[in-house]
């Protein structure tokens, strides 16, 4: 295998013993083979490293650090990477075998594209397909599309030119060594959207997607209700970090983006069984910016209905929720 890999796959790991083998083997099964895998041990305390050690391949490299969170682990992996393209893969997700091949061709054929992403399918804890996924807008992506709808969708969908990350890197001048941040390590959630916004608002690089589901994104409902407020707080902080110099843009688009975010959190609350919280969030979304009802009437009305139905007995609600999620999944869940 070449000593100069074209693609570096960055895999942050924190206590993912039940997922890591499928994740890594999905990379090793790629039809395009000139890559390296940078596995970042973010302070694992379970058997993740022992399981990883059973997978023998010279393209796998492990970097160790104390637990600092997803963003910091990605930064460590990107800094250690040698490839001219960076592919991000969260350790509980996995890929279709043609993913790297398809993204490499996409980026080669479209030199103006800095971030290539794919459609995604959702799987449950056992890796079973849920019949829904993310099928976002793929072309003519504007900064307001990133802000309001985040077409990249999830942290395992993107393959990025290294040059793009170099342009938006932040270096702490107080550090005694070169230690760039590409994803903001202060954020424990919403680190993706903050980075994509920084690229969209401050560079000339374009975002563009591939019309093929190449990413399998694992849905975990555990602890959703407890994390909803934290998720909203992190999203608010991510917005504030990009405000300076773009005040006019945010004045026009932030209310709509916030309405979409509250609608998304309402669906998360429904999934976790927090019916009253879901109702409050969908009402807040409509008050924040009614344009979500005009722009996406079907999805907004289905979400609203699900919020009300979440107050029904649990078994009856589960049946009706499955129908509603299938309807939404035909378009996009995000």
C-alpha atoms as a PDB file:
ATOM      1  CA  UNK A   1       0.000   0.000   0.000  1.00  0.00           C
ATOM      2  CA  UNK A   2       1.223   3.511  -0.833  1.00  0.00           C
ATOM      3  CA  UNK A   3       3.075   5.462   1.850  1.00  0.00           C
ATOM      4  CA  UNK A   4       1.196   8.513   0.570  1.00  0.00           C
ATOM      5  CA  UNK A   5      -2.508   7.804   1.089  1.00  0.00           C
ATOM      6  CA  UNK A   6      -4.914   9.912  -0.939  1.00  0.00           C
ATOM      7  CA  UNK A   7      -7.684   9.758   1.692  1.00  0.00           C
ATOM      8  CA  UNK A   8      -7.370   9.842   5.479  1.00  0.00           C
ATOM      9  CA  UNK A   9     -10.357   8.391   7.327  1.00  0.00           C
ATOM     10  CA  UNK A  10     -10.646   9.954  10.791  1.00  0.00           C
ATOM     11  CA  UNK A  11     -12.485   7.816  13.368  1.00  0.00           C
ATOM     12  CA  UNK A  12     -12.885   9.258  16.892  1.00  0.00           C
ATOM     13  CA  UNK A  13     -13.438   6.527  19.487  1.00  0.00           C
ATOM     14  CA  UNK A  14     -14.873   6.703  22.980  1.00  0.00           C
ATOM     15  CA  UNK A  15     -16.240   3.500  24.541  1.00  0.00           C
ATOM     16  CA  UNK A  16     -17.666   2.005  21.349  1.00  0.00           C
ATOM     17  CA  UNK A  17     -16.777  -1.643  21.833  1.00  0.00           C
ATOM     18  CA  UNK A  18     -20.128  -2.790  20.399  1.00  0.00           C
ATOM     19  CA  UNK A  19     -19.725  -0.798  17.181  1.00  0.00           C
ATOM     20  CA  UNK A  20     -16.048  -0.367  16.334  1.00  0.00           C
ATOM     21  CA  UNK A  21     -15.486  -3.610  14.425  1.00  0.00           C
ATOM     22  CA  UNK A  22     -18.318  -3.022  11.962  1.00  0.00           C
ATOM     23  CA  UNK A  23     -17.237   0.589  11.555  1.00  0.00           C
ATOM     24  CA  UNK A  24     -13.612  -0.251  10.714  1.00  0.00           C
ATOM     25  CA  UNK A  25     -14.413  -3.264   8.562  1.00  0.00           C
ATOM     26  CA  UNK A  26     -16.737  -1.107   6.465  1.00  0.00           C
ATOM     27  CA  UNK A  27     -13.710   1.064   5.652  1.00  0.00           C
ATOM     28  CA  UNK A  28     -11.439  -1.891   4.926  1.00  0.00           C
ATOM     29  CA  UNK A  29     -14.097  -3.209   2.520  1.00  0.00           C
ATOM     30  CA  UNK A  30     -13.967  -0.069   0.355  1.00  0.00           C
ATOM     31  CA  UNK A  31     -13.547  -0.516  -3.386  1.00  0.00           C
ATOM     32  CA  UNK A  32     -11.026   2.341  -3.325  1.00  0.00           C
ATOM     33  CA  UNK A  33      -8.032   1.195  -1.305  1.00  0.00           C
ATOM     34  CA  UNK A  34      -5.430   3.993  -1.109  1.00  0.00           C
ATOM     35  CA  UNK A  35      -6.425   5.305   2.294  1.00  0.00           C
ATOM     36  CA  UNK A  36      -5.293   5.329   5.898  1.00  0.00           C
ATOM     37  CA  UNK A  37      -7.498   5.077   8.979  1.00  0.00           C
ATOM     38  CA  UNK A  38      -6.637   7.376  11.880  1.00  0.00           C
ATOM     39  CA  UNK A  39      -8.380   5.950  14.945  1.00  0.00           C
ATOM     40  CA  UNK A  40      -8.317   8.474  17.771  1.00  0.00           C
ATOM     41  CA  UNK A  41      -8.579   6.911  21.217  1.00  0.00           C
ATOM     42  CA  UNK A  42     -10.404   9.651  23.119  1.00  0.00           C
ATOM     43  CA  UNK A  43      -9.765   8.109  26.532  1.00  0.00           C
ATOM     44  CA  UNK A  44     -11.600   4.792  26.048  1.00  0.00           C
ATOM     45  CA  UNK A  45     -12.188   2.801  29.246  1.00  0.00           C
ATOM     46  CA  UNK A  46     -13.955  -0.223  27.729  1.00  0.00           C
ATOM     47  CA  UNK A  47     -12.705  -2.896  25.293  1.00  0.00           C
ATOM     48  CA  UNK A  48     -12.668  -0.698  22.187  1.00  0.00           C
ATOM     49  CA  UNK A  49      -8.873  -0.821  21.812  1.00  0.00           C
ATOM     50  CA  UNK A  50      -8.679  -4.572  22.414  1.00  0.00           C
ATOM     51  CA  UNK A  51     -11.273  -5.226  19.709  1.00  0.00           C
ATOM     52  CA  UNK A  52      -9.544  -2.851  17.317  1.00  0.00           C
ATOM     53  CA  UNK A  53      -6.242  -4.681  17.909  1.00  0.00           C
ATOM     54  CA  UNK A  54      -7.768  -7.886  16.514  1.00  0.00           C
ATOM     55  CA  UNK A  55      -8.217  -6.216  13.108  1.00  0.00           C
ATOM     56  CA  UNK A  56      -4.899  -6.481  11.311  1.00  0.00           C
ATOM     57  CA  UNK A  57      -4.262  -4.010   8.521  1.00  0.00           C
ATOM     58  CA  UNK A  58      -1.237  -1.719   8.057  1.00  0.00           C
ATOM     59  CA  UNK A  59      -3.520   1.152   7.060  1.00  0.00           C
ATOM     60  CA  UNK A  60      -4.903   1.405  10.609  1.00  0.00           C
ATOM     61  CA  UNK A  61      -3.130   3.871  12.902  1.00  0.00           C
ATOM     62  CA  UNK A  62      -4.122   4.624  16.494  1.00  0.00           C
ATOM     63  CA  UNK A  63      -3.551   8.001  18.157  1.00  0.00           C
ATOM     64  CA  UNK A  64      -4.135   8.379  21.894  1.00  0.00           C
ATOM     65  CA  UNK A  65      -5.388  11.326  23.948  1.00  0.00           C
ATOM     66  CA  UNK A  66      -7.241  11.925  27.197  1.00  0.00           C
ATOM     67  CA  UNK A  67     -10.994  12.317  26.876  1.00  0.00           C
ATOM     68  CA  UNK A  68     -11.653  15.701  25.252  1.00  0.00           C
ATOM     69  CA  UNK A  69     -14.782  15.095  23.195  1.00  0.00           C
ATOM     70  CA  UNK A  70     -15.674  14.471  19.559  1.00  0.00           C
ATOM     71  CA  UNK A  71     -14.487  17.791  18.132  1.00  0.00           C
ATOM     72  CA  UNK A  72     -11.071  17.584  19.791  1.00  0.00           C
ATOM     73  CA  UNK A  73     -10.672  13.950  18.707  1.00  0.00           C
ATOM     74  CA  UNK A  74     -11.423  14.899  15.113  1.00  0.00           C
ATOM     75  CA  UNK A  75      -8.874  17.705  15.316  1.00  0.00           C
ATOM     76  CA  UNK A  76      -6.240  15.279  16.578  1.00  0.00           C
ATOM     77  CA  UNK A  77      -6.999  12.861  13.775  1.00  0.00           C
ATOM     78  CA  UNK A  78      -6.968  15.527  11.066  1.00  0.00           C
ATOM     79  CA  UNK A  79      -3.632  16.890  12.328  1.00  0.00           C
ATOM     80  CA  UNK A  80      -2.128  13.379  12.167  1.00  0.00           C
ATOM     81  CA  UNK A  81      -3.592  12.659   8.718  1.00  0.00           C
ATOM     82  CA  UNK A  82      -1.459  12.519   5.566  1.00  0.00           C
ATOM     83  CA  UNK A  83      -4.159  12.397   2.898  1.00  0.00           C
ATOM     84  CA  UNK A  84      -5.241  15.247   0.642  1.00  0.00           C
ATOM     85  CA  UNK A  85      -8.859  14.368   1.440  1.00  0.00           C
ATOM     86  CA  UNK A  86     -10.290  13.906   4.944  1.00  0.00           C
ATOM     87  CA  UNK A  87     -13.197  11.496   5.376  1.00  0.00           C
ATOM     88  CA  UNK A  88     -15.025  11.681   8.696  1.00  0.00           C
ATOM     89  CA  UNK A  89     -16.570   8.560  10.206  1.00  0.00           C
ATOM     90  CA  UNK A  90     -18.093   8.437  13.680  1.00  0.00           C
ATOM     91  CA  UNK A  91     -17.301   5.118  15.318  1.00  0.00           C
ATOM     92  CA  UNK A  92     -20.920   3.988  15.752  1.00  0.00           C
ATOM     93  CA  UNK A  93     -21.677   4.471  12.036  1.00  0.00           C
ATOM     94  CA  UNK A  94     -20.476   2.614   8.940  1.00  0.00           C
ATOM     95  CA  UNK A  95     -20.256   2.995   5.170  1.00  0.00           C
ATOM     96  CA  UNK A  96     -21.350   1.381   1.926  1.00  0.00           C
ATOM     97  CA  UNK A  97     -18.405  -0.200   0.098  1.00  0.00           C
ATOM     98  CA  UNK A  98     -18.337   2.345  -2.750  1.00  0.00           C
ATOM     99  CA  UNK A  99     -18.363   5.449  -0.568  1.00  0.00           C
ATOM    100  CA  UNK A 100     -14.735   6.526  -0.926  1.00  0.00           C
ATOM    101  CA  UNK A 101     -14.671   5.661  -4.635  1.00  0.00           C
ATOM    102  CA  UNK A 102     -17.764   7.776  -5.288  1.00  0.00           C
ATOM    103  CA  UNK A 103     -16.562  10.761  -3.259  1.00  0.00           C
ATOM    104  CA  UNK A 104     -13.100  10.734  -4.815  1.00  0.00           C
ATOM    105  CA  UNK A 105     -14.618  10.863  -8.306  1.00  0.00           C
ATOM    106  CA  UNK A 106     -17.073  13.556  -7.221  1.00  0.00           C
ATOM    107  CA  UNK A 107     -14.301  15.791  -5.871  1.00  0.00           C
ATOM    108  CA  UNK A 108     -12.016  15.110  -8.846  1.00  0.00           C
ATOM    109  CA  UNK A 109     -14.761  15.992 -11.345  1.00  0.00           C
ATOM    110  CA  UNK A 110     -15.857  19.116  -9.432  1.00  0.00           C
ATOM    111  CA  UNK A 111     -12.797  21.162  -8.391  1.00  0.00           C
ATOM    112  CA  UNK A 112     -14.998  23.921  -6.938  1.00  0.00           C
ATOM    113  CA  UNK A 113     -16.517  21.501  -4.391  1.00  0.00           C
ATOM    114  CA  UNK A 114     -14.747  21.525  -1.044  1.00  0.00           C
ATOM    115  CA  UNK A 115     -17.164  19.365   0.944  1.00  0.00           C
ATOM    116  CA  UNK A 116     -18.706  16.300  -0.694  1.00  0.00           C
ATOM    117  CA  UNK A 117     -21.439  14.492   1.221  1.00  0.00           C
ATOM    118  CA  UNK A 118     -23.826  11.619   0.624  1.00  0.00           C
ATOM    119  CA  UNK A 119     -27.348  10.621   1.421  1.00  0.00           C
ATOM    120  CA  UNK A 120     -27.672   8.451   4.532  1.00  0.00           C
ATOM    121  CA  UNK A 121     -29.810   5.568   5.771  1.00  0.00           C
ATOM    122  CA  UNK A 122     -30.732   5.180   9.436  1.00  0.00           C
ATOM    123  CA  UNK A 123     -30.040   1.974  11.367  1.00  0.00           C
ATOM    124  CA  UNK A 124     -30.948   1.017  14.921  1.00  0.00           C
ATOM    125  CA  UNK A 125     -28.688  -0.153  17.743  1.00  0.00           C
ATOM    126  CA  UNK A 126     -28.427  -3.609  16.146  1.00  0.00           C
ATOM    127  CA  UNK A 127     -27.568  -2.199  12.711  1.00  0.00           C
ATOM    128  CA  UNK A 128     -30.993  -2.977  11.231  1.00  0.00           C
ATOM    129  CA  UNK A 129     -32.276  -0.566   8.600  1.00  0.00           C
ATOM    130  CA  UNK A 130     -35.154   1.581   9.890  1.00  0.00           C
ATOM    131  CA  UNK A 131     -36.588   2.384   6.465  1.00  0.00           C
ATOM    132  CA  UNK A 132     -35.898   6.110   6.825  1.00  0.00           C
ATOM    133  CA  UNK A 133     -32.916   8.339   6.207  1.00  0.00           C
ATOM    134  CA  UNK A 134     -31.514  11.674   5.120  1.00  0.00           C
ATOM    135  CA  UNK A 135     -32.108  12.677   1.507  1.00  0.00           C
ATOM    136  CA  UNK A 136     -31.100  16.348   1.506  1.00  0.00           C
ATOM    137  CA  UNK A 137     -30.655  19.039  -1.085  1.00  0.00           C
ATOM    138  CA  UNK A 138     -27.582  18.150  -3.160  1.00  0.00           C
ATOM    139  CA  UNK A 139     -26.721  21.091  -5.410  1.00  0.00           C
ATOM    140  CA  UNK A 140     -26.659  24.889  -5.383  1.00  0.00           C
ATOM    141  CA  UNK A 141     -26.079  24.920  -1.641  1.00  0.00           C
ATOM    142  CA  UNK A 142     -26.104  28.427  -0.175  1.00  0.00           C
ATOM    143  CA  UNK A 143     -24.998  29.544   3.302  1.00  0.00           C
ATOM    144  CA  UNK A 144     -28.652  29.814   4.339  1.00  0.00           C
ATOM    145  CA  UNK A 145     -29.149  26.150   3.337  1.00  0.00           C
ATOM    146  CA  UNK A 146     -26.319  25.181   5.670  1.00  0.00           C
ATOM    147  CA  UNK A 147     -27.709  27.341   8.459  1.00  0.00           C
ATOM    148  CA  UNK A 148     -31.349  26.301   8.203  1.00  0.00           C
ATOM    149  CA  UNK A 149     -31.280  22.698   6.980  1.00  0.00           C
ATOM    150  CA  UNK A 150     -27.664  21.405   7.219  1.00  0.00           C
ATOM    151  CA  UNK A 151     -27.727  19.229   4.088  1.00  0.00           C
ATOM    152  CA  UNK A 152     -24.552  17.381   5.166  1.00  0.00           C
ATOM    153  CA  UNK A 153     -26.838  15.745   7.702  1.00  0.00           C
ATOM    154  CA  UNK A 154     -24.489  13.838  10.008  1.00  0.00           C
ATOM    155  CA  UNK A 155     -20.842  13.533  10.964  1.00  0.00           C
ATOM    156  CA  UNK A 156     -20.136  10.427   8.869  1.00  0.00           C
ATOM    157  CA  UNK A 157     -21.394  11.717   5.515  1.00  0.00           C
ATOM    158  CA  UNK A 158     -18.679  14.212   4.536  1.00  0.00           C
ATOM    159  CA  UNK A 159     -15.404  13.895   2.638  1.00  0.00           C
ATOM    160  CA  UNK A 160     -13.488  17.187   2.710  1.00  0.00           C
ATOM    161  CA  UNK A 161     -10.523  18.603   0.839  1.00  0.00           C
ATOM    162  CA  UNK A 162      -7.667  19.138   3.276  1.00  0.00           C
ATOM    163  CA  UNK A 163      -7.175  22.610   1.747  1.00  0.00           C
ATOM    164  CA  UNK A 164     -10.633  23.605   2.947  1.00  0.00           C
ATOM    165  CA  UNK A 165      -9.843  22.715   6.535  1.00  0.00           C
ATOM    166  CA  UNK A 166      -6.519  24.565   6.320  1.00  0.00           C
ATOM    167  CA  UNK A 167      -8.382  27.740   5.359  1.00  0.00           C
ATOM    168  CA  UNK A 168     -10.685  27.689   8.393  1.00  0.00           C
ATOM    169  CA  UNK A 169      -8.242  26.315  10.980  1.00  0.00           C
ATOM    170  CA  UNK A 170      -7.990  28.201  14.265  1.00  0.00           C
ATOM    171  CA  UNK A 171      -4.626  28.137  16.030  1.00  0.00           C
ATOM    172  CA  UNK A 172      -4.314  28.907  19.733  1.00  0.00           C
ATOM    173  CA  UNK A 173      -1.363  31.294  19.877  1.00  0.00           C
ATOM    174  CA  UNK A 174      -0.859  30.512  23.553  1.00  0.00           C
ATOM    175  CA  UNK A 175       0.076  26.940  22.756  1.00  0.00           C
ATOM    176  CA  UNK A 176       3.760  26.044  22.780  1.00  0.00           C
ATOM    177  CA  UNK A 177       3.269  23.834  19.745  1.00  0.00           C
ATOM    178  CA  UNK A 178       1.258  23.994  16.520  1.00  0.00           C
ATOM    179  CA  UNK A 179      -2.156  22.691  17.536  1.00  0.00           C
ATOM    180  CA  UNK A 180      -4.856  23.740  15.050  1.00  0.00           C
ATOM    181  CA  UNK A 181      -8.590  23.347  15.620  1.00  0.00           C
ATOM    182  CA  UNK A 182     -10.857  22.638  12.680  1.00  0.00           C
ATOM    183  CA  UNK A 183     -13.894  21.691  14.748  1.00  0.00           C
ATOM    184  CA  UNK A 184     -14.466  23.847  17.831  1.00  0.00           C
ATOM    185  CA  UNK A 185     -13.391  21.760  20.868  1.00  0.00           C
ATOM    186  CA  UNK A 186     -15.450  23.973  23.186  1.00  0.00           C
ATOM    187  CA  UNK A 187     -18.621  22.521  21.648  1.00  0.00           C
ATOM    188  CA  UNK A 188     -19.753  19.063  22.749  1.00  0.00           C
ATOM    189  CA  UNK A 189     -22.718  19.202  20.350  1.00  0.00           C
ATOM    190  CA  UNK A 190     -23.423  21.182  17.129  1.00  0.00           C
ATOM    191  CA  UNK A 191     -19.704  21.091  16.268  1.00  0.00           C
ATOM    192  CA  UNK A 192     -20.587  19.985  12.721  1.00  0.00           C
ATOM    193  CA  UNK A 193     -22.917  22.859  11.853  1.00  0.00           C
ATOM    194  CA  UNK A 194     -20.486  25.387  13.365  1.00  0.00           C
ATOM    195  CA  UNK A 195     -17.691  24.119  11.109  1.00  0.00           C
ATOM    196  CA  UNK A 196     -19.861  23.924   7.977  1.00  0.00           C
ATOM    197  CA  UNK A 197     -21.062  27.479   8.602  1.00  0.00           C
ATOM    198  CA  UNK A 198     -17.492  28.703   9.006  1.00  0.00           C
ATOM    199  CA  UNK A 199     -16.629  27.179   5.640  1.00  0.00           C
ATOM    200  CA  UNK A 200     -19.763  28.494   3.900  1.00  0.00           C
ATOM    201  CA  UNK A 201     -19.438  32.040   5.253  1.00  0.00           C
ATOM    202  CA  UNK A 202     -15.672  32.527   5.048  1.00  0.00           C
ATOM    203  CA  UNK A 203     -14.438  30.608   1.994  1.00  0.00           C
ATOM    204  CA  UNK A 204     -15.319  30.230  -1.681  1.00  0.00           C
ATOM    205  CA  UNK A 205     -15.591  26.434  -1.481  1.00  0.00           C
ATOM    206  CA  UNK A 206     -18.892  24.805  -2.376  1.00  0.00           C
ATOM    207  CA  UNK A 207     -20.891  22.049  -0.707  1.00  0.00           C
ATOM    208  CA  UNK A 208     -22.389  19.397  -2.957  1.00  0.00           C
ATOM    209  CA  UNK A 209     -23.951  16.000  -2.364  1.00  0.00           C
ATOM    210  CA  UNK A 210     -24.074  12.605  -4.055  1.00  0.00           C
ATOM    211  CA  UNK A 211     -27.507  11.180  -4.868  1.00  0.00           C
ATOM    212  CA  UNK A 212     -26.768   7.805  -3.338  1.00  0.00           C
ATOM    213  CA  UNK A 213     -27.094   6.570   0.283  1.00  0.00           C
ATOM    214  CA  UNK A 214     -23.478   5.723   1.129  1.00  0.00           C
ATOM    215  CA  UNK A 215     -23.576   6.297   4.892  1.00  0.00           C
ATOM    216  CA  UNK A 216     -25.316   4.222   7.564  1.00  0.00           C
ATOM    217  CA  UNK A 217     -26.134   6.458  10.516  1.00  0.00           C
ATOM    218  CA  UNK A 218     -26.956   4.808  13.825  1.00  0.00           C
ATOM    219  CA  UNK A 219     -29.921   6.215  15.740  1.00  0.00           C
ATOM    220  CA  UNK A 220     -29.732   5.947  19.510  1.00  0.00           C
ATOM    221  CA  UNK A 221     -32.769   7.160  21.465  1.00  0.00           C
ATOM    222  CA  UNK A 222     -31.106   6.747  24.847  1.00  0.00           C
ATOM    223  CA  UNK A 223     -31.036   9.907  26.938  1.00  0.00           C
ATOM    224  CA  UNK A 224     -32.659  12.077  24.286  1.00  0.00           C
ATOM    225  CA  UNK A 225     -34.930  14.006  26.629  1.00  0.00           C
ATOM    226  CA  UNK A 226     -32.158  14.911  29.031  1.00  0.00           C
ATOM    227  CA  UNK A 227     -29.986  16.145  26.167  1.00  0.00           C
ATOM    228  CA  UNK A 228     -32.530  18.312  24.346  1.00  0.00           C
ATOM    229  CA  UNK A 229     -31.837  21.508  26.278  1.00  0.00           C
ATOM    230  CA  UNK A 230     -28.085  20.917  26.100  1.00  0.00           C
ATOM    231  CA  UNK A 231     -28.413  20.416  22.361  1.00  0.00           C
ATOM    232  CA  UNK A 232     -30.312  23.690  21.978  1.00  0.00           C
ATOM    233  CA  UNK A 233     -27.731  25.538  24.106  1.00  0.00           C
ATOM    234  CA  UNK A 234     -24.858  24.157  21.997  1.00  0.00           C
ATOM    235  CA  UNK A 235     -26.644  25.130  18.784  1.00  0.00           C
ATOM    236  CA  UNK A 236     -27.154  28.669  20.099  1.00  0.00           C
ATOM    237  CA  UNK A 237     -23.456  28.883  20.968  1.00  0.00           C
ATOM    238  CA  UNK A 238     -22.469  27.624  17.512  1.00  0.00           C
ATOM    239  CA  UNK A 239     -24.534  30.414  15.979  1.00  0.00           C
ATOM    240  CA  UNK A 240     -22.907  33.057  18.197  1.00  0.00           C
ATOM    241  CA  UNK A 241     -19.437  31.896  17.198  1.00  0.00           C
ATOM    242  CA  UNK A 242     -20.131  32.724  13.537  1.00  0.00           C
ATOM    243  CA  UNK A 243     -22.052  35.959  14.076  1.00  0.00           C
ATOM    244  CA  UNK A 244     -19.176  38.442  13.924  1.00  0.00           C
ATOM    245  CA  UNK A 245     -18.788  39.896  10.434  1.00  0.00           C
ATOM    246  CA  UNK A 246     -22.019  38.291   9.238  1.00  0.00           C
ATOM    247  CA  UNK A 247     -24.583  40.227  11.260  1.00  0.00           C
ATOM    248  CA  UNK A 248     -26.830  40.988   8.274  1.00  0.00           C
ATOM    249  CA  UNK A 249     -26.929  37.351   7.193  1.00  0.00           C
ATOM    250  CA  UNK A 250     -27.898  36.134  10.662  1.00  0.00           C
ATOM    251  CA  UNK A 251     -30.463  38.894  11.175  1.00  0.00           C
ATOM    252  CA  UNK A 252     -32.313  37.695   8.083  1.00  0.00           C
ATOM    253  CA  UNK A 253     -31.916  33.916   8.376  1.00  0.00           C
ATOM    254  CA  UNK A 254     -31.424  33.066  12.065  1.00  0.00           C
ATOM    255  CA  UNK A 255     -35.161  33.132  13.030  1.00  0.00           C
ATOM    256  CA  UNK A 256     -35.959  30.605  10.295  1.00  0.00           C
ATOM    257  CA  UNK A 257     -33.002  28.443  11.297  1.00  0.00           C
ATOM    258  CA  UNK A 258     -34.063  28.545  14.936  1.00  0.00           C
ATOM    259  CA  UNK A 259     -37.597  27.508  13.992  1.00  0.00           C
ATOM    260  CA  UNK A 260     -36.258  24.510  12.077  1.00  0.00           C
ATOM    261  CA  UNK A 261     -34.003  23.622  15.010  1.00  0.00           C
ATOM    262  CA  UNK A 262     -36.936  23.724  17.456  1.00  0.00           C
ATOM    263  CA  UNK A 263     -38.991  21.572  15.091  1.00  0.00           C
ATOM    264  CA  UNK A 264     -36.143  19.058  14.980  1.00  0.00           C
ATOM    265  CA  UNK A 265     -35.869  19.062  18.780  1.00  0.00           C
ATOM    266  CA  UNK A 266     -39.636  18.563  19.015  1.00  0.00           C
ATOM    267  CA  UNK A 267     -39.238  15.327  17.019  1.00  0.00           C
ATOM    268  CA  UNK A 268     -36.420  14.276  19.325  1.00  0.00           C
ATOM    269  CA  UNK A 269     -38.688  14.891  22.300  1.00  0.00           C
ATOM    270  CA  UNK A 270     -41.410  12.791  20.655  1.00  0.00           C
ATOM    271  CA  UNK A 271     -38.930   9.932  20.153  1.00  0.00           C
ATOM    272  CA  UNK A 272     -37.957  10.062  23.826  1.00  0.00           C
ATOM    273  CA  UNK A 273     -41.582  10.069  25.010  1.00  0.00           C
ATOM    274  CA  UNK A 274     -41.499  13.652  26.328  1.00  0.00           C
ATOM    275  CA  UNK A 275     -44.878  14.675  24.893  1.00  0.00           C
ATOM    276  CA  UNK A 276     -45.343  17.958  26.761  1.00  0.00           C
ATOM    277  CA  UNK A 277     -41.826  19.055  25.896  1.00  0.00           C
ATOM    278  CA  UNK A 278     -42.465  18.175  22.253  1.00  0.00           C
ATOM    279  CA  UNK A 279     -45.663  20.243  22.194  1.00  0.00           C
ATOM    280  CA  UNK A 280     -43.901  23.222  23.724  1.00  0.00           C
ATOM    281  CA  UNK A 281     -41.072  23.025  21.183  1.00  0.00           C
ATOM    282  CA  UNK A 282     -43.286  22.756  18.087  1.00  0.00           C
ATOM    283  CA  UNK A 283     -45.364  25.718  19.294  1.00  0.00           C
ATOM    284  CA  UNK A 284     -42.178  27.698  19.888  1.00  0.00           C
ATOM    285  CA  UNK A 285     -40.996  26.779  16.381  1.00  0.00           C
ATOM    286  CA  UNK A 286     -44.157  28.120  14.761  1.00  0.00           C
ATOM    287  CA  UNK A 287     -44.027  31.330  16.785  1.00  0.00           C
ATOM    288  CA  UNK A 288     -40.315  31.849  16.086  1.00  0.00           C
ATOM    289  CA  UNK A 289     -40.802  31.772  12.307  1.00  0.00           C
ATOM    290  CA  UNK A 290     -44.036  30.609  10.615  1.00  0.00           C
ATOM    291  CA  UNK A 291     -42.114  30.240   7.338  1.00  0.00           C
ATOM    292  CA  UNK A 292     -41.444  26.608   8.250  1.00  0.00           C
ATOM    293  CA  UNK A 293     -45.148  25.972   7.665  1.00  0.00           C
ATOM    294  CA  UNK A 294     -45.006  27.677   4.263  1.00  0.00           C
ATOM    295  CA  UNK A 295     -41.722  26.127   3.130  1.00  0.00           C
ATOM    296  CA  UNK A 296     -42.348  22.598   4.402  1.00  0.00           C
ATOM    297  CA  UNK A 297     -46.067  22.295   5.169  1.00  0.00           C
ATOM    298  CA  UNK A 298     -46.274  18.484   5.125  1.00  0.00           C
ATOM    299  CA  UNK A 299     -43.281  17.873   7.386  1.00  0.00           C
ATOM    300  CA  UNK A 300     -44.278  20.614   9.803  1.00  0.00           C
ATOM    301  CA  UNK A 301     -47.891  19.428  10.061  1.00  0.00           C
ATOM    302  CA  UNK A 302     -46.849  15.781  10.504  1.00  0.00           C
ATOM    303  CA  UNK A 303     -44.424  16.838  13.254  1.00  0.00           C
ATOM    304  CA  UNK A 304     -47.173  18.881  14.901  1.00  0.00           C
ATOM    305  CA  UNK A 305     -49.555  15.915  14.786  1.00  0.00           C
ATOM    306  CA  UNK A 306     -46.901  13.596  16.226  1.00  0.00           C
ATOM    307  CA  UNK A 307     -46.357  16.000  19.111  1.00  0.00           C
ATOM    308  CA  UNK A 308     -50.043  15.901  19.981  1.00  0.00           C
ATOM    309  CA  UNK A 309     -50.285  12.144  19.499  1.00  0.00           C
ATOM    310  CA  UNK A 310     -47.329  11.606  21.822  1.00  0.00           C
ATOM    311  CA  UNK A 311     -49.746  12.205  24.705  1.00  0.00           C
ATOM    312  CA  UNK A 312     -51.652   9.013  23.759  1.00  0.00           C
ATOM    313  CA  UNK A 313     -51.019   5.646  25.471  1.00  0.00           C
ATOM    314  CA  UNK A 314     -47.522   4.508  24.520  1.00  0.00           C
ATOM    315  CA  UNK A 315     -48.400   1.441  22.407  1.00  0.00           C
ATOM    316  CA  UNK A 316     -50.993   3.261  20.308  1.00  0.00           C
ATOM    317  CA  UNK A 317     -48.621   6.152  19.827  1.00  0.00           C
ATOM    318  CA  UNK A 318     -45.816   3.828  18.675  1.00  0.00           C
ATOM    319  CA  UNK A 319     -47.959   2.511  15.827  1.00  0.00           C
ATOM    320  CA  UNK A 320     -48.943   5.999  14.690  1.00  0.00           C
ATOM    321  CA  UNK A 321     -45.397   7.305  15.136  1.00  0.00           C
ATOM    322  CA  UNK A 322     -43.998   4.613  12.845  1.00  0.00           C
ATOM    323  CA  UNK A 323     -46.375   5.707  10.088  1.00  0.00           C
ATOM    324  CA  UNK A 324     -45.462   9.354  10.556  1.00  0.00           C
ATOM    325  CA  UNK A 325     -41.707   8.691  10.624  1.00  0.00           C
ATOM    326  CA  UNK A 326     -41.993   6.603   7.449  1.00  0.00           C
ATOM    327  CA  UNK A 327     -43.735   9.529   5.743  1.00  0.00           C
ATOM    328  CA  UNK A 328     -41.043  11.974   6.890  1.00  0.00           C
ATOM    329  CA  UNK A 329     -38.256   9.551   6.007  1.00  0.00           C
ATOM    330  CA  UNK A 330     -39.323   9.489   2.372  1.00  0.00           C
ATOM    331  CA  UNK A 331     -37.974  13.029   2.211  1.00  0.00           C
ATOM    332  CA  UNK A 332     -35.452  13.717   4.941  1.00  0.00           C
ATOM    333  CA  UNK A 333     -35.035  13.332   8.665  1.00  0.00           C
ATOM    334  CA  UNK A 334     -32.639  15.895  10.112  1.00  0.00           C
END
